[in-house]
PDB file of N, CA and C in Angstrom:
ATOM      1  N   MET A   1       3.921 160.721 -28.004  1.00  0.00           N
ATOM      2  CA  MET A   1       3.391 162.031 -27.810  1.00  0.00           C
ATOM      3  C   MET A   1       2.545 162.330 -26.794  1.00  0.00           C
ATOM      4  N   ALA A   2       1.611 161.157 -26.553  1.00  0.00           N
ATOM      5  CA  ALA A   2       0.324 161.039 -25.596  1.00  0.00           C
ATOM      6  C   ALA A   2       1.064 161.072 -24.151  1.00  0.00           C
ATOM      7  N   ASP A   3       2.533 160.379 -24.153  1.00  0.00           N
ATOM      8  CA  ASP A   3       3.012 160.107 -22.839  1.00  0.00           C
ATOM      9  C   ASP A   3       3.682 161.312 -22.174  1.00  0.00           C
ATOM     10  N   ARG A   4       4.038 162.427 -23.062  1.00  0.00           N
ATOM     11  CA  ARG A   4       4.641 163.547 -22.740  1.00  0.00           C
ATOM     12  C   ARG A   4       3.454 164.275 -22.096  1.00  0.00           C
ATOM     13  N   LYS A   5       2.421 164.281 -22.222  1.00  0.00           N
ATOM     14  CA  LYS A   5       1.271 164.978 -21.620  1.00  0.00           C
ATOM     15  C   LYS A   5       1.120 164.733 -19.989  1.00  0.00           C
ATOM     16  N   LYS A   6       1.636 163.224 -19.665  1.00  0.00           N
ATOM     17  CA  LYS A   6       1.324 162.571 -18.391  1.00  0.00           C
ATOM     18  C   LYS A   6       2.225 162.998 -17.705  1.00  0.00           C
ATOM     19  N   ASP A   7       3.704 163.546 -18.166  1.00  0.00           N
ATOM     20  CA  ASP A   7       4.743 164.044 -17.335  1.00  0.00           C
ATOM     21  C   ASP A   7       4.305 164.994 -16.206  1.00  0.00           C
ATOM     22  N   GLN A   8       4.727 165.133 -15.229  1.00  0.00           N
ATOM     23  CA  GLN A   8       4.448 165.807 -13.997  1.00  0.00           C
ATOM     24  C   GLN A   8       5.652 166.785 -14.004  1.00  0.00           C
ATOM     25  N   TYR A   9       5.245 168.215 -13.819  1.00  0.00           N
ATOM     26  CA  TYR A   9       6.156 169.184 -13.870  1.00  0.00           C
ATOM     27  C   TYR A   9       6.926 169.429 -12.513  1.00  0.00           C
ATOM     28  N   SER A  10       8.166 169.630 -12.410  1.00  0.00           N
ATOM     29  CA  SER A  10       8.619 170.103 -11.021  1.00  0.00           C
ATOM     30  C   SER A  10       9.843 170.926 -11.208  1.00  0.00           C
ATOM     31  N   ASP A  11      10.147 171.967 -10.390  1.00  0.00           N
ATOM     32  CA  ASP A  11      11.207 172.484 -10.310  1.00  0.00           C
ATOM     33  C   ASP A  11      12.392 171.940 -10.278  1.00  0.00           C
ATOM     34  N   ILE A  12      13.480 172.521 -10.847  1.00  0.00           N
ATOM     35  CA  ILE A  12      14.823 172.044 -10.651  1.00  0.00           C
ATOM     36  C   ILE A  12      15.334 172.504  -9.277  1.00  0.00           C
ATOM     37  N   SER A  13      16.165 171.643  -8.676  1.00  0.00           N
ATOM     38  CA  SER A  13      16.769 171.909  -7.228  1.00  0.00           C
ATOM     39  C   SER A  13      17.082 173.529  -7.155  1.00  0.00           C
ATOM     40  N   ASN A  14      17.698 174.142  -8.038  1.00  0.00           N
ATOM     41  CA  ASN A  14      18.154 175.406  -7.888  1.00  0.00           C
ATOM     42  C   ASN A  14      17.043 176.490  -7.572  1.00  0.00           C
ATOM     43  N   ALA A  15      15.644 176.063  -8.494  1.00  0.00           N
ATOM     44  CA  ALA A  15      14.793 177.088  -8.253  1.00  0.00           C
ATOM     45  C   ALA A  15      14.161 176.817  -6.844  1.00  0.00           C
ATOM     46  N   GLU A  16      14.165 175.571  -6.551  1.00  0.00           N
ATOM     47  CA  GLU A  16      13.488 175.364  -5.014  1.00  0.00           C
ATOM     48  C   GLU A  16      14.323 175.848  -3.992  1.00  0.00           C
ATOM     49  N   LYS A  17      15.740 175.732  -4.104  1.00  0.00           N
ATOM     50  CA  LYS A  17      16.600 176.180  -3.137  1.00  0.00           C
ATOM     51  C   LYS A  17      16.474 177.899  -3.086  1.00  0.00           C
ATOM     52  N   SER A  18      16.174 178.370  -4.191  1.00  0.00           N
ATOM     53  CA  SER A  18      16.132 179.987  -4.158  1.00  0.00           C
ATOM     54  C   SER A  18      14.734 180.322  -3.514  1.00  0.00           C
ATOM     55  N   SER A  19      13.880 179.670  -3.623  1.00  0.00           N
ATOM     56  CA  SER A  19      12.614 180.089  -2.760  1.00  0.00           C
ATOM     57  C   SER A  19      12.698 179.712  -1.550  1.00  0.00           C
ATOM     58  N   ASN A  20      13.424 178.614  -0.815  1.00  0.00           N
ATOM     59  CA  ASN A  20      13.515 178.277   0.611  1.00  0.00           C
ATOM     60  C   ASN A  20      14.588 179.013   1.252  1.00  0.00           C
ATOM     61  N   TYR A  21      15.666 179.463   0.603  1.00  0.00           N
ATOM     62  CA  TYR A  21      16.834 180.110   1.368  1.00  0.00           C
ATOM     63  C   TYR A  21      16.699 181.514   1.049  1.00  0.00           C
ATOM     64  N   LEU A  22      16.777 182.212   2.086  1.00  0.00           N
ATOM     65  CA  LEU A  22      16.746 183.862   2.099  1.00  0.00           C
ATOM     66  C   LEU A  22      18.249 184.116   2.241  1.00  0.00           C
ATOM     67  N   MET A  23      18.692 185.071   1.246  1.00  0.00           N
ATOM     68  CA  MET A  23      19.916 185.495   1.454  1.00  0.00           C
ATOM     69  C   MET A  23      19.990 187.160   2.090  1.00  0.00           C
ATOM     70  N   ALA A  24      20.911 187.372   2.956  1.00  0.00           N
ATOM     71  CA  ALA A  24      21.394 188.622   3.527  1.00  0.00           C
ATOM     72  C   ALA A  24      21.404 189.648   2.411  1.00  0.00           C
ATOM     73  N   GLU A  25      20.834 190.793   2.873  1.00  0.00           N
ATOM     74  CA  GLU A  25      20.909 191.776   2.066  1.00  0.00           C
ATOM     75  C   GLU A  25      22.132 192.772   2.563  1.00  0.00           C
ATOM     76  N   GLU A  26      22.991 193.428   1.544  1.00  0.00           N
ATOM     77  CA  GLU A  26      24.025 194.013   1.726  1.00  0.00           C
ATOM     78  C   GLU A  26      23.677 195.268   2.866  1.00  0.00           C
ATOM     79  N   TYR A  27      22.748 196.062   1.969  1.00  0.00           N
ATOM     80  CA  TYR A  27      22.385 197.238   2.730  1.00  0.00           C
ATOM     81  C   TYR A  27      20.591 197.356   2.741  1.00  0.00           C
ATOM     82  N   PRO A  28      20.383 196.500   3.587  1.00  0.00           N
ATOM     83  CA  PRO A  28      18.580 196.460   3.656  1.00  0.00           C
ATOM     84  C   PRO A  28      17.777 197.843   3.841  1.00  0.00           C
ATOM     85  N   GLU A  29      18.604 198.710   4.434  1.00  0.00           N
ATOM     86  CA  GLU A  29      17.851 199.957   4.619  1.00  0.00           C
ATOM     87  C   GLU A  29      18.065 201.174   3.460  1.00  0.00           C
ATOM     88  N   GLY A  30      18.766 200.535   2.297  1.00  0.00           N
ATOM     89  CA  GLY A  30      19.172 201.405   1.253  1.00  0.00           C
ATOM     90  C   GLY A  30      20.277 201.796   0.888  1.00  0.00           C
ATOM     91  N   PRO A  31      20.589 202.509   0.097  1.00  0.00           N
ATOM     92  CA  PRO A  31      21.716 203.182  -0.102  1.00  0.00           C
ATOM     93  C   PRO A  31      22.462 204.041   0.736  1.00  0.00           C
ATOM     94  N   TYR A  32      23.727 204.114   1.068  1.00  0.00           N
ATOM     95  CA  TYR A  32      24.463 204.850   2.007  1.00  0.00           C
ATOM     96  C   TYR A  32      23.906 206.281   2.134  1.00  0.00           C
ATOM     97  N   GLY A  33      23.622 206.698   3.060  1.00  0.00           N
ATOM     98  CA  GLY A  33      23.064 208.286   3.318  1.00  0.00           C
ATOM     99  C   GLY A  33      21.763 208.579   2.587  1.00  0.00           C
ATOM    100  N   ALA A  34      20.931 207.401   2.175  1.00  0.00           N
ATOM    101  CA  ALA A  34      19.537 207.527   1.456  1.00  0.00           C
ATOM    102  C   ALA A  34      18.491 207.989   2.854  1.00  0.00           C
ATOM    103  N   PRO A  35      17.853 209.178   2.341  1.00  0.00           N
ATOM    104  CA  PRO A  35      16.909 209.673   3.231  1.00  0.00           C
ATOM    105  C   PRO A  35      15.649 208.602   3.645  1.00  0.00           C
ATOM    106  N   GLN A  36      15.183 207.925   2.556  1.00  0.00           N
ATOM    107  CA  GLN A  36      13.998 206.930   2.950  1.00  0.00           C
ATOM    108  C   GLN A  36      14.716 206.050   3.926  1.00  0.00           C
ATOM    109  N   GLY A  37      13.694 205.554   4.735  1.00  0.00           N
ATOM    110  CA  GLY A  37      13.651 204.750   5.971  1.00  0.00           C
ATOM    111  C   GLY A  37      14.552 204.777   7.009  1.00  0.00           C
ATOM    112  N   SER A  38      14.883 206.297   7.123  1.00  0.00           N
ATOM    113  CA  SER A  38      15.941 206.776   8.133  1.00  0.00           C
ATOM    114  C   SER A  38      15.169 206.791   9.488  1.00  0.00           C
ATOM    115  N   THR A  39      13.923 206.743   9.527  1.00  0.00           N
ATOM    116  CA  THR A  39      13.407 207.023  10.601  1.00  0.00           C
ATOM    117  C   THR A  39      12.438 205.741  11.361  1.00  0.00           C
ATOM    118  N   ARG A  40      12.574 204.436  10.491  1.00  0.00           N
ATOM    119  CA  ARG A  40      12.017 203.204  10.932  1.00  0.00           C
ATOM    120  C   ARG A  40      13.135 202.218  10.770  1.00  0.00           C
ATOM    121  N   PRO A  41      12.918 201.237  11.610  1.00  0.00           N
ATOM    122  CA  PRO A  41      13.989 200.247  12.062  1.00  0.00           C
ATOM    123  C   PRO A  41      13.922 199.352  10.559  1.00  0.00           C
ATOM    124  N   VAL A  42      15.250 198.509  10.515  1.00  0.00           N
ATOM    125  CA  VAL A  42      15.216 197.746   9.332  1.00  0.00           C
ATOM    126  C   VAL A  42      14.526 196.512   9.494  1.00  0.00           C
ATOM    127  N   GLU A  43      13.739 195.982   8.361  1.00  0.00           N
ATOM    128  CA  GLU A  43      13.167 194.824   8.468  1.00  0.00           C
ATOM    129  C   GLU A  43      13.880 193.854   7.511  1.00  0.00           C
ATOM    130  N   ASN A  44      13.839 192.445   8.219  1.00  0.00           N
ATOM    131  CA  ASN A  44      14.503 191.598   7.133  1.00  0.00           C
ATOM    132  C   ASN A  44      13.773 190.844   6.373  1.00  0.00           C
ATOM    133  N   LYS A  45      12.439 190.726   6.784  1.00  0.00           N
ATOM    134  CA  LYS A  45      11.549 189.924   5.898  1.00  0.00           C
ATOM    135  C   LYS A  45      10.067 190.639   6.094  1.00  0.00           C
ATOM    136  N   SER A  46       9.537 191.013   5.049  1.00  0.00           N
ATOM    137  CA  SER A  46       8.195 191.724   5.306  1.00  0.00           C
ATOM    138  C   SER A  46       7.048 190.779   5.154  1.00  0.00           C
ATOM    139  N   GLY A  47       7.175 189.679   4.698  1.00  0.00           N
ATOM    140  CA  GLY A  47       6.103 188.383   4.358  1.00  0.00           C
ATOM    141  C   GLY A  47       6.198 187.749   5.648  1.00  0.00           C
ATOM    142  N   ASN A  48       5.206 186.613   5.456  1.00  0.00           N
ATOM    143  CA  ASN A  48       5.160 185.473   6.330  1.00  0.00           C
ATOM    144  C   ASN A  48       6.095 184.431   6.201  1.00  0.00           C
ATOM    145  N   TRP A  49       6.686 183.658   6.911  1.00  0.00           N
ATOM    146  CA  TRP A  49       7.772 182.694   6.866  1.00  0.00           C
ATOM    147  C   TRP A  49       6.916 181.424   6.173  1.00  0.00           C
ATOM    148  N   GLY A  50       7.604 180.793   5.101  1.00  0.00           N
ATOM    149  CA  GLY A  50       7.088 179.755   4.521  1.00  0.00           C
ATOM    150  C   GLY A  50       7.571 178.406   5.362  1.00  0.00           C
ATOM    151  N   GLN A  51       7.091 177.412   5.161  1.00  0.00           N
ATOM    152  CA  GLN A  51       7.309 175.885   6.058  1.00  0.00           C
ATOM    153  C   GLN A  51       8.840 175.872   6.090  1.00  0.00           C
ATOM    154  N   ASP A  52       9.579 175.789   4.628  1.00  0.00           N
ATOM    155  CA  ASP A  52      10.869 175.379   4.790  1.00  0.00           C
ATOM    156  C   ASP A  52      11.844 176.658   4.471  1.00  0.00           C
ATOM    157  N   GLN A  53      11.312 177.767   4.604  1.00  0.00           N
ATOM    158  CA  GLN A  53      12.470 178.971   4.321  1.00  0.00           C
ATOM    159  C   GLN A  53      13.028 179.102   5.780  1.00  0.00           C
ATOM    160  N   ARG A  54      14.591 179.527   5.408  1.00  0.00           N
ATOM    161  CA  ARG A  54      15.375 179.896   6.445  1.00  0.00           C
ATOM    162  C   ARG A  54      16.480 180.697   5.909  1.00  0.00           C
ATOM    163  N   TYR A  55      17.377 181.424   6.691  1.00  0.00           N
ATOM    164  CA  TYR A  55      18.356 182.401   6.178  1.00  0.00           C
ATOM    165  C   TYR A  55      19.595 181.316   5.710  1.00  0.00           C
ATOM    166  N   TYR A  56      20.267 181.710   4.612  1.00  0.00           N
ATOM    167  CA  TYR A  56      21.381 180.783   4.058  1.00  0.00           C
ATOM    168  C   TYR A  56      22.572 181.592   4.706  1.00  0.00           C
ATOM    169  N   SER A  57      23.280 180.810   5.378  1.00  0.00           N
ATOM    170  CA  SER A  57      24.538 181.254   6.142  1.00  0.00           C
ATOM    171  C   SER A  57      25.746 181.087   5.572  1.00  0.00           C
ATOM    172  N   ALA A  58      26.686 181.809   5.523  1.00  0.00           N
ATOM    173  CA  ALA A  58      27.908 181.734   4.847  1.00  0.00           C
ATOM    174  C   ALA A  58      28.756 181.097   5.647  1.00  0.00           C
ATOM    175  N   PHE A  59      28.712 180.715   6.944  1.00  0.00           N
ATOM    176  CA  PHE A  59      29.371 179.905   7.769  1.00  0.00           C
ATOM    177  C   PHE A  59      28.927 178.520   7.533  1.00  0.00           C
ATOM    178  N   ASN A  60      28.409 177.816   6.491  1.00  0.00           N
ATOM    179  CA  ASN A  60      27.972 176.464   6.605  1.00  0.00           C
ATOM    180  C   ASN A  60      28.981 175.819   5.485  1.00  0.00           C
ATOM    181  N   TYR A  61      28.791 174.640   5.509  1.00  0.00           N
ATOM    182  CA  TYR A  61      29.437 173.740   4.320  1.00  0.00           C
ATOM    183  C   TYR A  61      28.438 173.684   3.245  1.00  0.00           C
ATOM    184  N   GLU A  62      28.901 173.970   2.063  1.00  0.00           N
ATOM    185  CA  GLU A  62      28.093 173.964   0.813  1.00  0.00           C
ATOM    186  C   GLU A  62      27.349 172.738   0.652  1.00  0.00           C
ATOM    187  N   MET A  63      28.124 171.626   0.687  1.00  0.00           N
ATOM    188  CA  MET A  63      27.729 170.151   0.481  1.00  0.00           C
ATOM    189  C   MET A  63      27.641 169.652   1.810  1.00  0.00           C
ATOM    190  N   LYS A  64      26.916 169.350   2.834  1.00  0.00           N
ATOM    191  CA  LYS A  64      26.827 168.710   3.956  1.00  0.00           C
ATOM    192  C   LYS A  64      27.109 167.336   3.867  1.00  0.00           C
ATOM    193  N   THR A  65      26.654 166.654   3.001  1.00  0.00           N
ATOM    194  CA  THR A  65      26.866 165.060   2.858  1.00  0.00           C
ATOM    195  C   THR A  65      28.162 164.883   2.472  1.00  0.00           C
ATOM    196  N   PHE A  66      29.042 165.678   1.989  1.00  0.00           N
ATOM    197  CA  PHE A  66      30.281 165.668   1.636  1.00  0.00           C
ATOM    198  C   PHE A  66      30.992 165.555   2.862  1.00  0.00           C
ATOM    199  N   HIS A  67      30.759 166.373   3.704  1.00  0.00           N
ATOM    200  CA  HIS A  67      31.509 166.514   5.236  1.00  0.00           C
ATOM    201  C   HIS A  67      30.690 165.834   6.298  1.00  0.00           C
ATOM    202  N   GLN A  68      29.806 164.877   6.013  1.00  0.00           N
ATOM    203  CA  GLN A  68      28.914 164.254   6.830  1.00  0.00           C
ATOM    204  C   GLN A  68      30.048 163.718   8.206  1.00  0.00           C
ATOM    205  N   ASP A  69      30.774 163.187   8.092  1.00  0.00           N
ATOM    206  CA  ASP A  69      31.427 162.415   9.113  1.00  0.00           C
ATOM    207  C   ASP A  69      32.759 162.958   9.490  1.00  0.00           C
ATOM    208  N   ILE A  70      33.020 163.994   8.981  1.00  0.00           N
ATOM    209  CA  ILE A  70      34.322 164.613   9.206  1.00  0.00           C
ATOM    210  C   ILE A  70      34.014 165.807  10.476  1.00  0.00           C
ATOM    211  N   GLU A  71      34.757 165.569  11.389  1.00  0.00           N
ATOM    212  CA  GLU A  71      34.720 166.591  12.665  1.00  0.00           C
ATOM    213  C   GLU A  71      35.479 167.729  12.446  1.00  0.00           C
ATOM    214  N   ARG A  72      35.156 168.770  12.996  1.00  0.00           N
ATOM    215  CA  ARG A  72      36.101 170.119  12.954  1.00  0.00           C
ATOM    216  C   ARG A  72      37.375 169.969  13.499  1.00  0.00           C
ATOM    217  N   GLN A  73      38.366 170.303  12.753  1.00  0.00           N
ATOM    218  CA  GLN A  73      39.862 170.300  13.024  1.00  0.00           C
ATOM    219  C   GLN A  73      40.217 171.238  13.857  1.00  0.00           C
ATOM    220  N   GLU A  74      39.707 172.407  14.082  1.00  0.00           N
ATOM    221  CA  GLU A  74      40.067 173.497  14.924  1.00  0.00           C
ATOM    222  C   GLU A  74      39.860 173.276  16.241  1.00  0.00           C
ATOM    223  N   GLU A  75      41.058 173.674  17.132  1.00  0.00           N
ATOM    224  CA  GLU A  75      41.107 173.360  18.713  1.00  0.00           C
ATOM    225  C   GLU A  75      39.891 174.319  19.184  1.00  0.00           C
ATOM    226  N   GLY A  76      39.007 173.717  20.113  1.00  0.00           N
ATOM    227  CA  GLY A  76      38.007 174.500  20.792  1.00  0.00           C
ATOM    228  C   GLY A  76      36.762 174.877  20.113  1.00  0.00           C
ATOM    229  N   ALA A  77      36.499 174.312  18.636  1.00  0.00           N
ATOM    230  CA  ALA A  77      35.464 174.449  17.859  1.00  0.00           C
ATOM    231  C   ALA A  77      34.266 173.331  18.656  1.00  0.00           C
ATOM    232  N   HIS A  78      33.279 174.168  18.348  1.00  0.00           N
ATOM    233  CA  HIS A  78      31.932 173.436  19.053  1.00  0.00           C
ATOM    234  C   HIS A  78      31.731 172.089  18.096  1.00  0.00           C
ATOM    235  N   PRO A  79      31.009 171.398  18.592  1.00  0.00           N
ATOM    236  CA  PRO A  79      30.483 170.069  17.718  1.00  0.00           C
ATOM    237  C   PRO A  79      29.596 170.417  16.694  1.00  0.00           C
ATOM    238  N   VAL A  80      29.527 169.905  15.671  1.00  0.00           N
ATOM    239  CA  VAL A  80      28.715 170.075  14.403  1.00  0.00           C
ATOM    240  C   VAL A  80      27.283 169.553  14.893  1.00  0.00           C
ATOM    241  N   HIS A  81      26.118 170.687  14.659  1.00  0.00           N
ATOM    242  CA  HIS A  81      24.585 170.337  14.746  1.00  0.00           C
ATOM    243  C   HIS A  81      23.898 169.976  13.564  1.00  0.00           C
ATOM    244  N   ASP A  82      24.388 169.420  12.636  1.00  0.00           N
ATOM    245  CA  ASP A  82      23.757 169.216  11.444  1.00  0.00           C
ATOM    246  C   ASP A  82      22.721 168.026  11.551  1.00  0.00           C
ATOM    247  N   ASP A  83      23.210 167.147  12.323  1.00  0.00           N
ATOM    248  CA  ASP A  83      22.097 165.843  12.399  1.00  0.00           C
ATOM    249  C   ASP A  83      21.445 165.968  13.721  1.00  0.00           C
ATOM    250  N   PRO A  84      20.194 165.915  14.031  1.00  0.00           N
ATOM    251  CA  PRO A  84      19.463 166.030  15.135  1.00  0.00           C
ATOM    252  C   PRO A  84      19.475 165.006  15.984  1.00  0.00           C
ATOM    253  N   LYS A  85      19.649 163.815  15.173  1.00  0.00           N
ATOM    254  CA  LYS A  85      19.475 162.366  15.739  1.00  0.00           C
ATOM    255  C   LYS A  85      20.857 162.072  16.345  1.00  0.00           C
ATOM    256  N   ARG A  86      21.954 162.729  16.034  1.00  0.00           N
ATOM    257  CA  ARG A  86      23.232 162.423  16.529  1.00  0.00           C
ATOM    258  C   ARG A  86      23.500 162.910  17.812  1.00  0.00           C
ATOM    259  N   GLU A  87      24.089 162.307  18.786  1.00  0.00           N
ATOM    260  CA  GLU A  87      24.344 162.737  20.154  1.00  0.00           C
ATOM    261  C   GLU A  87      25.676 163.017  19.983  1.00  0.00           C
ATOM    262  N   SER A  88      25.815 164.352  20.894  1.00  0.00           N
ATOM    263  CA  SER A  88      27.372 164.957  20.973  1.00  0.00           C
ATOM    264  C   SER A  88      27.666 165.073  22.343  1.00  0.00           C
TER     265      SER A  88
END
């Protein structure tokens, strides 16, 4: 029982990713035709950016390690920019 108190708590990977990846809002200015916010520009993020925060793109591979060494098959596709150490 004493060993259990020494265990370090950490979030599961889903909770960590949800705080680091920002999802795009479908209607960031509110519902269609809503009068609120009609005179000011749309803001993507109101607070300061965290160290690892970034937008989650729908045009990425879900599991990048699974697709690590596979080049894009489409003609004219630009090279993959996942690995900054990799020369292209």
